[in-house]
Amino acid sequence: MKLDLTDLLCALSTALDSVEIELLGLDTGHGRRVACLAYLMGKGAGCGEEELRDFAGCCILHDNALTEFIHEELERSADFAAAVKNFVSNENNADFGEYKSVNSRHSVIGEKNIRMMPFKTDVSGIILYHHENADGTGDMGKTSAETPLKSQILRLADDVDMTSHFNKMDESDFENVRERVKARSGTLFSKEAVELFLDNVTFNDILEIRQKSPKTFLRERLPEKFTEYSENEIRGIAELFAQIVDYKSEFTERHSMGVARIAERMARRFRFDDEKRVRFYLAGALHDIGKLTTPNVILEKPDKLTAEEFSQMKQHAAATREILSEIKGIPDIIEWASNHHEKLNGKGYPNGLDANKLGFEERLMACVDIYQALTEPRPYKAGMSRAKAVSIMREMADKGELDGNIVSEFEKEFV
């Protein structure tokens, strides 16, 4: 399957932005802004185009473990607000096992996750050490001599974006940023990273990133490059982003990967060719990526949602389309993923499409999503038996909501 990985990551970082905005209060575009700054510094360090592509990708994904970390904290405290406070303020960190703080924990998890991505160059250690200080006073006690230069660059770029009010910065503010960076050379930031920042990042660069958008800035410097990825590499991409989505809420833990697996199983039943089967699997993994834009107070609510809350919840399907539509070359996946809540009688959402506008694959994905949701356990309910789930799907087919022929195949496959 061919993809432009930079395009994919830039688009999906939109979803990651939503998590950072909700949990950390950051301006939208944090990961991409960090990638732009790191790109300029990496190019100044002599990195080649392939290295810069992968480095930008790591920077976009440097906080990929945020939802997983919050999930772990919820398991400890069962209190979402406390979990977020712990991440932001680094409080209550007496019981972190082998890690000293939340920063080291989410860096370790993020490093583990990044191994799922099919990068072509060595990216080891970039995310793992991106919270280490040059003088060894960071959580893992690593000095700049013990960490990769790209990790040191990411450390500085991340800090600059977190502390500089990037989208409001004027030339005087930028000079203050430069002075702050210089003052921390050899302590927070490595001398090499500081020199690369001072020599390669100008105020004109800041203006261009802001005026054009970080994504456009990156794409102008890293032109389109479609690469053929193996089935296993696509699975790695799918698993990482499904995991990010599913860890957003304990109520939907493992839902996306469950949908991906059932989607692939039914694709085999309907004899999709190998390319289409893998694409359908990826669509299943990404179908709920829009839920990253849904506030946790709604996702985590155990009671029935109000009409207003349900209306907000329904927006996740449209958000999935909006996010995936930024990725070139996957029009089929966009349709299969974003129409999974549409119904044949036109009473689904977000667009009220009816049978005349829903293809076979979209009808199939709707059935896959419903079957997985009915059979998986949630904190507030046990999963239904296969037979019970299919009987409910049959009732929905009788009401004109689902495709009865597809439901019959589910019955043959699972009951």
Protein backbone atom coordinates (compact mmCIF):
# COMPACT_ATOMS: atom_id res chain seq x y z
CA MET A 1 0.00 0.00 0.00
CA LYS A 2 1.40 3.41 -0.97
CA LEU A 3 1.36 6.33 1.46
CA ASP A 4 3.13 9.63 1.95
CA LEU A 5 4.06 9.14 5.61
CA THR A 6 4.68 12.84 6.28
CA ASP A 7 1.25 13.64 4.86
CA LEU A 8 -0.31 10.95 7.04
CA LEU A 9 1.40 12.13 10.21
CA CYS A 10 0.64 15.82 9.59
CA ALA A 11 -3.04 14.97 9.17
CA LEU A 12 -3.26 12.68 12.17
CA SER A 13 -1.40 15.22 14.30
CA THR A 14 -4.59 17.28 14.05
CA ALA A 15 -6.19 14.63 16.24
CA LEU A 16 -3.25 14.62 18.65
CA ASP A 17 -3.60 18.41 18.89
CA SER A 18 -7.09 17.97 20.28
CA VAL A 19 -5.74 15.86 23.13
CA GLU A 20 -2.99 18.35 23.94
CA ILE A 21 -5.45 21.25 23.85
CA GLU A 22 -7.88 19.47 26.18
CA LEU A 23 -5.33 18.12 28.62
CA LEU A 24 -2.43 20.58 28.53
CA GLY A 25 -4.00 23.79 27.25
CA LEU A 26 -1.54 24.09 24.35
CA ASP A 27 -2.31 26.01 21.18
CA THR A 28 -3.33 23.83 18.26
CA GLY A 29 -0.41 22.73 16.07
CA HIS A 30 2.15 22.07 18.83
CA GLY A 31 3.60 18.89 17.31
CA ARG A 32 3.86 20.39 13.83
CA ARG A 33 5.44 23.63 15.10
CA VAL A 34 8.02 21.61 17.00
CA ALA A 35 8.67 19.63 13.82
CA CYS A 36 9.25 22.85 11.86
CA LEU A 37 11.78 24.18 14.37
CA ALA A 38 13.51 20.81 14.59
CA TYR A 39 13.62 20.56 10.78
CA LEU A 40 15.49 23.87 10.52
CA MET A 41 17.95 22.82 13.21
CA GLY A 42 18.35 19.32 11.77
CA LYS A 43 19.04 20.70 8.32
CA GLY A 44 21.65 23.00 9.85
CA ALA A 45 23.24 19.92 11.42
CA GLY A 46 23.62 18.39 7.96
CA CYS A 47 20.82 15.81 8.04
CA GLY A 48 19.74 14.46 4.65
CA GLU A 49 16.20 14.56 3.29
CA GLU A 50 15.27 11.03 4.43
CA GLU A 51 16.60 11.74 7.92
CA LEU A 52 14.69 15.01 8.04
CA ARG A 53 11.45 13.27 7.01
CA ASP A 54 11.77 10.76 9.81
CA PHE A 55 12.93 13.38 12.31
CA ALA A 56 9.93 15.58 11.51
CA GLY A 57 7.70 12.53 11.94
CA CYS A 58 9.17 11.82 15.38
CA CYS A 59 8.66 15.43 16.41
CA ILE A 60 5.03 15.36 15.29
CA LEU A 61 4.58 12.21 17.38
CA HIS A 62 6.73 13.17 20.36
CA ASP A 63 3.69 13.27 22.67
CA ASN A 64 2.07 10.15 21.20
CA ALA A 65 1.94 8.50 24.63
CA LEU A 66 -0.22 11.19 26.22
CA THR A 67 -3.51 9.27 26.09
CA GLU A 68 -1.80 6.05 27.20
CA PHE A 69 -0.20 7.81 30.16
CA ILE A 70 -3.51 9.35 31.23
CA HIS A 71 -5.09 5.89 30.93
CA GLU A 72 -2.47 4.50 33.33
CA GLU A 73 -3.15 7.32 35.75
CA LEU A 74 -6.87 6.59 35.62
CA GLU A 75 -6.13 3.00 36.58
CA ARG A 76 -4.29 4.36 39.62
CA SER A 77 -6.76 7.06 40.66
CA ALA A 78 -10.02 6.54 38.74
CA ASP A 79 -10.09 10.34 38.68
CA PHE A 80 -9.59 11.95 35.28
CA ALA A 81 -8.99 15.44 36.67
CA ALA A 82 -6.35 14.12 39.07
CA ALA A 83 -4.69 12.16 36.27
CA VAL A 84 -4.40 15.27 34.11
CA LYS A 85 -3.16 17.34 37.05
CA ASN A 86 -0.50 14.72 37.71
CA PHE A 87 0.73 14.93 34.13
CA VAL A 88 0.73 18.72 33.99
CA SER A 89 2.15 19.51 37.44
CA ASN A 90 4.26 16.40 38.02
CA GLU A 91 2.68 16.00 41.46
CA ASN A 92 1.98 12.81 43.40
CA ASN A 93 4.83 10.99 41.70
CA ALA A 94 5.96 8.75 44.51
CA ASP A 95 4.84 5.54 42.79
CA PHE A 96 6.23 5.51 39.27
CA GLY A 97 7.97 2.15 39.45
CA GLU A 98 11.27 2.35 37.59
CA TYR A 99 10.60 5.91 36.37
CA LYS A 100 11.21 9.03 38.37
CA SER A 101 8.44 11.18 36.95
CA VAL A 102 5.65 11.51 34.46
CA ASN A 103 8.03 12.96 31.87
CA SER A 104 10.26 9.90 31.89
CA ARG A 105 7.26 7.58 31.86
CA HIS A 106 5.58 9.13 28.86
CA SER A 107 8.95 9.33 27.08
CA VAL A 108 9.54 5.61 27.61
CA ILE A 109 6.03 4.73 26.43
CA GLY A 110 6.38 7.08 23.45
CA GLU A 111 9.70 5.50 22.46
CA LYS A 112 8.13 2.05 22.60
CA ASN A 113 5.20 3.18 20.48
CA ILE A 114 7.34 4.83 17.82
CA ARG A 115 8.83 1.46 16.95
CA MET A 116 5.52 0.65 15.26
CA MET A 117 6.20 3.32 12.62
CA PRO A 118 7.98 2.36 9.38
CA PHE A 119 10.71 4.99 9.53
CA LYS A 120 13.60 4.38 7.15
CA THR A 121 16.38 5.89 9.27
CA ASP A 122 17.53 5.38 12.87
CA VAL A 123 15.17 7.26 15.20
CA SER A 124 16.10 5.42 18.40
CA GLY A 125 16.39 7.58 21.49
CA ILE A 126 14.89 10.72 19.95
CA ILE A 127 11.65 10.53 21.92
CA LEU A 128 13.09 8.54 24.81
CA TYR A 129 15.45 11.34 25.86
CA HIS A 130 13.56 14.43 24.78
CA HIS A 131 13.01 15.56 28.40
CA GLU A 132 16.62 15.09 29.47
CA ASN A 133 18.72 18.10 30.47
CA ALA A 134 22.19 18.69 29.05
CA ASP A 135 23.77 18.72 32.50
CA GLY A 136 22.28 15.38 33.55
CA THR A 137 19.66 16.81 35.92
CA GLY A 138 16.77 15.32 33.97
CA ASP A 139 14.66 12.38 35.10
CA MET A 140 16.93 9.70 33.65
CA GLY A 141 20.16 11.45 34.57
CA LYS A 142 21.50 11.48 31.01
CA THR A 143 23.84 14.26 29.91
CA SER A 144 24.00 15.62 26.38
CA ALA A 145 27.04 13.40 25.77
CA GLU A 146 24.80 10.37 26.40
CA THR A 147 21.82 11.34 24.21
CA PRO A 148 21.37 11.66 20.42
CA LEU A 149 21.73 15.14 18.92
CA LYS A 150 18.23 14.87 17.43
CA SER A 151 16.84 14.28 20.92
CA GLN A 152 18.65 17.38 22.15
CA ILE A 153 17.17 19.36 19.26
CA LEU A 154 13.68 18.07 20.06
CA ARG A 155 14.21 19.00 23.73
CA LEU A 156 14.95 22.60 22.76
CA ALA A 157 12.27 22.91 20.08
CA ASP A 158 9.61 21.47 22.39
CA ASP A 159 10.57 23.88 25.18
CA VAL A 160 10.59 26.90 22.85
CA ASP A 161 7.09 26.17 21.60
CA MET A 162 5.76 25.41 25.08
CA THR A 163 7.09 28.63 26.60
CA SER A 164 7.12 31.26 23.85
CA HIS A 165 3.47 31.95 22.88
CA PHE A 166 4.56 31.11 19.33
CA ASN A 167 1.40 32.36 17.60
CA LYS A 168 1.68 35.80 19.21
CA MET A 169 5.45 36.21 19.14
CA ASP A 170 6.83 39.49 17.80
CA GLU A 171 10.46 40.28 17.00
CA SER A 172 11.18 41.50 20.52
CA ASP A 173 9.67 38.32 21.97
CA PHE A 174 11.85 36.28 19.62
CA GLU A 175 14.96 38.04 20.89
CA ASN A 176 13.89 37.17 24.42
CA VAL A 177 13.54 33.55 23.34
CA ARG A 178 17.06 33.61 21.92
CA GLU A 179 18.40 35.08 25.17
CA ARG A 180 16.57 32.48 27.23
CA VAL A 181 17.98 29.68 25.09
CA LYS A 182 21.52 31.07 25.32
CA ALA A 183 21.23 31.44 29.10
CA ARG A 184 20.39 27.74 29.41
CA SER A 185 23.16 26.46 27.17
CA GLY A 186 24.92 23.60 28.90
CA THR A 187 22.24 23.22 31.56
CA LEU A 188 18.78 22.56 30.07
CA PHE A 189 19.95 22.51 26.46
CA SER A 190 23.09 21.13 24.90
CA LYS A 191 25.57 23.64 23.51
CA GLU A 192 25.25 21.99 20.08
CA ALA A 193 21.46 22.35 20.04
CA VAL A 194 21.68 25.97 21.19
CA GLU A 195 24.12 26.82 18.41
CA LEU A 196 21.89 25.11 15.84
CA PHE A 197 18.90 27.11 17.04
CA LEU A 198 20.72 30.45 17.05
CA ASP A 199 22.29 29.86 13.64
CA ASN A 200 19.32 28.35 11.79
CA VAL A 201 16.04 29.68 13.22
CA THR A 202 15.18 33.30 12.41
CA PHE A 203 12.21 35.49 13.19
CA ASN A 204 11.33 35.35 9.49
CA ASP A 205 11.06 31.57 9.87
CA ILE A 206 8.66 32.05 12.78
CA LEU A 207 6.53 34.39 10.67
CA GLU A 208 6.53 31.98 7.72
CA ILE A 209 5.53 29.01 9.87
CA ARG A 210 2.73 31.07 11.36
CA GLN A 211 1.48 32.64 8.14
CA LYS A 212 1.62 29.57 5.92
CA SER A 213 0.76 27.00 8.65
CA PRO A 214 3.27 24.49 10.02
CA LYS A 215 2.03 21.78 7.66
CA THR A 216 2.55 23.94 4.56
CA PHE A 217 5.96 25.02 5.83
CA LEU A 218 7.00 21.37 6.20
CA ARG A 219 5.49 20.23 2.90
CA GLU A 220 7.35 22.91 0.97
CA ARG A 221 10.61 21.56 2.39
CA LEU A 222 9.71 17.87 2.37
CA PRO A 223 7.95 17.33 -0.98
CA GLU A 224 5.42 14.57 -1.55
CA LYS A 225 6.94 11.12 -1.50
CA PHE A 226 4.67 8.10 -1.83
CA THR A 227 6.33 4.93 -0.56
CA GLU A 228 5.12 1.35 -0.83
CA TYR A 229 4.67 -0.04 2.68
CA SER A 230 4.33 -3.71 3.50
CA GLU A 231 1.28 -5.19 5.18
CA ASN A 232 3.17 -5.42 8.47
CA GLU A 233 4.22 -1.78 8.24
CA ILE A 234 0.61 -0.69 7.62
CA ARG A 235 -0.42 -2.78 10.62
CA GLY A 236 2.11 -0.91 12.74
CA ILE A 237 0.68 2.45 11.67
CA ALA A 238 -2.85 1.21 12.30
CA GLU A 239 -2.02 -0.17 15.73
CA LEU A 240 -0.30 2.99 16.93
CA PHE A 241 -3.15 5.32 16.03
CA ALA A 242 -5.86 2.90 17.14
CA GLN A 243 -4.06 2.68 20.47
CA ILE A 244 -3.91 6.47 20.80
CA VAL A 245 -7.66 6.67 20.13
CA ASP A 246 -8.63 3.79 22.41
CA TYR A 247 -6.57 5.03 25.36
CA LYS A 248 -8.44 8.36 25.22
CA SER A 249 -11.23 6.72 27.24
CA GLU A 250 -11.40 3.59 29.33
CA PHE A 251 -14.97 3.19 28.08
CA THR A 252 -13.73 2.35 24.59
CA GLU A 253 -10.49 0.54 25.44
CA ARG A 254 -9.37 -1.66 22.52
CA HIS A 255 -12.47 -0.76 20.45
CA SER A 256 -10.59 0.50 17.39
CA MET A 257 -8.31 -2.52 17.15
CA GLY A 258 -11.32 -4.75 17.70
CA VAL A 259 -13.06 -3.09 14.77
CA ALA A 260 -9.91 -3.43 12.65
CA ARG A 261 -9.67 -7.16 13.36
CA ILE A 262 -13.36 -7.85 12.68
CA ALA A 263 -13.14 -5.70 9.54
CA GLU A 264 -10.27 -7.83 8.27
CA ARG A 265 -12.06 -11.05 9.17
CA MET A 266 -15.16 -10.01 7.24
CA ALA A 267 -13.01 -8.75 4.37
CA ARG A 268 -11.64 -12.28 4.09
CA ARG A 269 -15.15 -13.69 4.23
CA PHE A 270 -16.22 -11.46 1.36
CA ARG A 271 -13.01 -12.32 -0.51
CA PHE A 272 -11.52 -8.85 -0.77
CA ASP A 273 -8.15 -8.98 -2.51
CA ASP A 274 -5.06 -8.49 -0.32
CA GLU A 275 -4.64 -4.77 -1.06
CA LYS A 276 -8.30 -4.01 -0.32
CA ARG A 277 -8.26 -6.20 2.79
CA VAL A 278 -5.34 -4.22 4.25
CA ARG A 279 -6.99 -0.92 3.37
CA PHE A 280 -10.23 -2.05 5.02
CA TYR A 281 -8.24 -3.07 8.11
CA LEU A 282 -6.63 0.39 8.24
CA ALA A 283 -10.05 2.03 7.84
CA GLY A 284 -11.29 0.02 10.81
CA ALA A 285 -8.35 1.11 12.94
CA LEU A 286 -8.86 4.79 12.05
CA HIS A 287 -12.67 4.93 12.02
CA ASP A 288 -12.90 6.62 15.44
CA ILE A 289 -9.88 8.94 15.15
CA GLY A 290 -12.37 11.82 15.39
CA LYS A 291 -13.10 10.79 18.99
CA LEU A 292 -9.83 12.43 19.97
CA THR A 293 -11.69 15.70 19.45
CA THR A 294 -14.51 14.67 21.83
CA PRO A 295 -14.10 15.88 25.44
CA ASN A 296 -13.49 13.15 28.00
CA VAL A 297 -16.32 14.42 30.17
CA ILE A 298 -18.61 13.09 27.44
CA LEU A 299 -16.64 9.95 26.58
CA GLU A 300 -16.37 9.02 30.26
CA LYS A 301 -19.97 9.74 31.24
CA PRO A 302 -21.53 6.48 32.49
CA ASP A 303 -25.07 7.85 32.40
CA LYS A 304 -27.25 8.57 29.39
CA LEU A 305 -26.02 11.59 27.45
CA THR A 306 -28.20 14.66 27.23
CA ALA A 307 -29.42 15.70 23.78
CA GLU A 308 -26.71 18.36 23.64
CA GLU A 309 -24.00 15.92 24.74
CA PHE A 310 -25.13 13.31 22.23
CA SER A 311 -25.06 15.94 19.51
CA GLN A 312 -21.46 16.72 20.46
CA MET A 313 -20.60 13.02 20.55
CA LYS A 314 -21.99 12.56 17.04
CA GLN A 315 -19.55 15.12 15.70
CA HIS A 316 -16.72 12.58 16.00
CA ALA A 317 -17.73 10.93 12.73
CA ALA A 318 -17.49 14.23 10.85
CA ALA A 319 -14.19 14.89 12.62
CA THR A 320 -12.88 11.55 11.37
CA ARG A 321 -13.67 12.62 7.80
CA GLU A 322 -12.08 16.04 8.31
CA ILE A 323 -8.87 14.55 9.72
CA LEU A 324 -8.51 11.77 7.16
CA SER A 325 -9.37 14.10 4.26
CA GLU A 326 -5.99 15.77 4.73
CA ILE A 327 -4.31 12.52 3.59
CA LYS A 328 -3.81 12.07 -0.14
CA GLY A 329 -4.41 8.76 -1.87
CA ILE A 330 -6.97 7.21 0.50
CA PRO A 331 -10.42 8.34 -0.74
CA ASP A 332 -11.83 4.83 -0.24
CA ILE A 333 -10.56 4.60 3.35
CA ILE A 334 -12.05 8.01 4.13
CA GLU A 335 -15.51 6.87 3.03
CA TRP A 336 -15.33 3.49 4.79
CA ALA A 337 -14.09 5.03 8.05
CA SER A 338 -16.21 8.16 8.31
CA ASN A 339 -19.59 6.69 7.32
CA HIS A 340 -19.71 3.97 9.97
CA HIS A 341 -22.66 5.59 11.78
CA GLU A 342 -24.81 6.09 8.69
CA LYS A 343 -27.97 3.95 8.33
CA LEU A 344 -29.66 2.62 5.20
CA ASN A 345 -32.91 4.37 6.13
CA GLY A 346 -31.17 7.74 6.23
CA LYS A 347 -31.48 8.12 10.00
CA GLY A 348 -27.78 7.78 10.79
CA TYR A 349 -25.15 10.49 11.19
CA PRO A 350 -23.36 12.75 10.47
CA ASN A 351 -24.86 13.27 6.99
CA GLY A 352 -28.07 11.21 7.01
CA LEU A 353 -26.98 9.18 3.97
CA ASP A 354 -29.41 6.50 2.80
CA ALA A 355 -29.06 3.18 0.96
CA ASN A 356 -28.66 4.92 -2.40
CA LYS A 357 -25.52 6.68 -1.18
CA LEU A 358 -23.91 3.95 0.92
CA GLY A 359 -21.68 1.43 -0.82
CA PHE A 360 -21.18 -2.16 0.25
CA GLU A 361 -17.97 -1.45 2.19
CA GLU A 362 -19.57 1.37 4.19
CA ARG A 363 -22.53 -0.88 5.03
CA LEU A 364 -20.10 -3.57 6.10
CA MET A 365 -18.07 -1.18 8.30
CA ALA A 366 -21.28 -0.04 10.03
CA CYS A 367 -22.06 -3.66 10.89
CA VAL A 368 -18.50 -4.29 12.07
CA ASP A 369 -18.60 -1.27 14.38
CA ILE A 370 -21.95 -2.25 15.89
CA TYR A 371 -20.96 -5.88 16.37
CA GLN A 372 -17.72 -4.92 18.10
CA ALA A 373 -19.45 -2.35 20.35
CA LEU A 374 -22.10 -4.89 21.41
CA THR A 375 -19.69 -7.72 22.16
CA GLU A 376 -16.89 -5.83 23.89
CA PRO A 377 -16.99 -5.24 27.65
CA ARG A 378 -17.20 -1.69 28.95
CA PRO A 379 -16.66 -0.46 32.52
CA TYR A 380 -20.43 -0.13 32.90
CA LYS A 381 -21.49 -3.39 31.16
CA ALA A 382 -20.41 -6.87 30.18
CA GLY A 383 -20.01 -7.69 26.53
CA MET A 384 -22.95 -9.45 24.88
CA SER A 385 -22.73 -12.95 23.51
CA ARG A 386 -22.19 -13.27 19.78
CA ALA A 387 -25.69 -14.65 19.31
CA LYS A 388 -27.30 -11.77 21.22
CA ALA A 389 -25.29 -9.19 19.28
CA VAL A 390 -26.27 -10.66 15.94
CA SER A 391 -29.93 -10.86 16.99
CA ILE A 392 -29.89 -7.13 17.74
CA MET A 393 -28.24 -6.48 14.38
CA ARG A 394 -31.01 -8.54 12.76
CA GLU A 395 -33.61 -6.33 14.42
CA MET A 396 -31.79 -3.27 13.09
CA ALA A 397 -31.79 -4.79 9.60
CA ASP A 398 -35.53 -5.45 9.87
CA LYS A 399 -36.01 -1.75 10.69
CA GLY A 400 -34.08 -0.77 7.58
CA GLU A 401 -30.95 0.41 9.39
CA LEU A 402 -28.44 -2.29 8.42
CA ASP A 403 -27.89 -4.47 5.36
CA GLY A 404 -29.69 -7.76 6.03
CA ASN A 405 -27.44 -9.77 3.70
CA ILE A 406 -24.35 -8.61 5.58
CA VAL A 407 -25.99 -9.42 8.92
CA SER A 408 -26.66 -12.95 7.61
CA GLU A 409 -22.95 -13.34 6.89
CA PHE A 410 -22.11 -12.18 10.43
CA GLU A 411 -24.46 -14.88 11.70
CA LYS A 412 -22.67 -17.52 9.65
CA GLU A 413 -19.25 -16.24 10.71
CA PHE A 414 -19.77 -15.73 14.42
CA VAL A 415 -22.77 -17.70 15.66
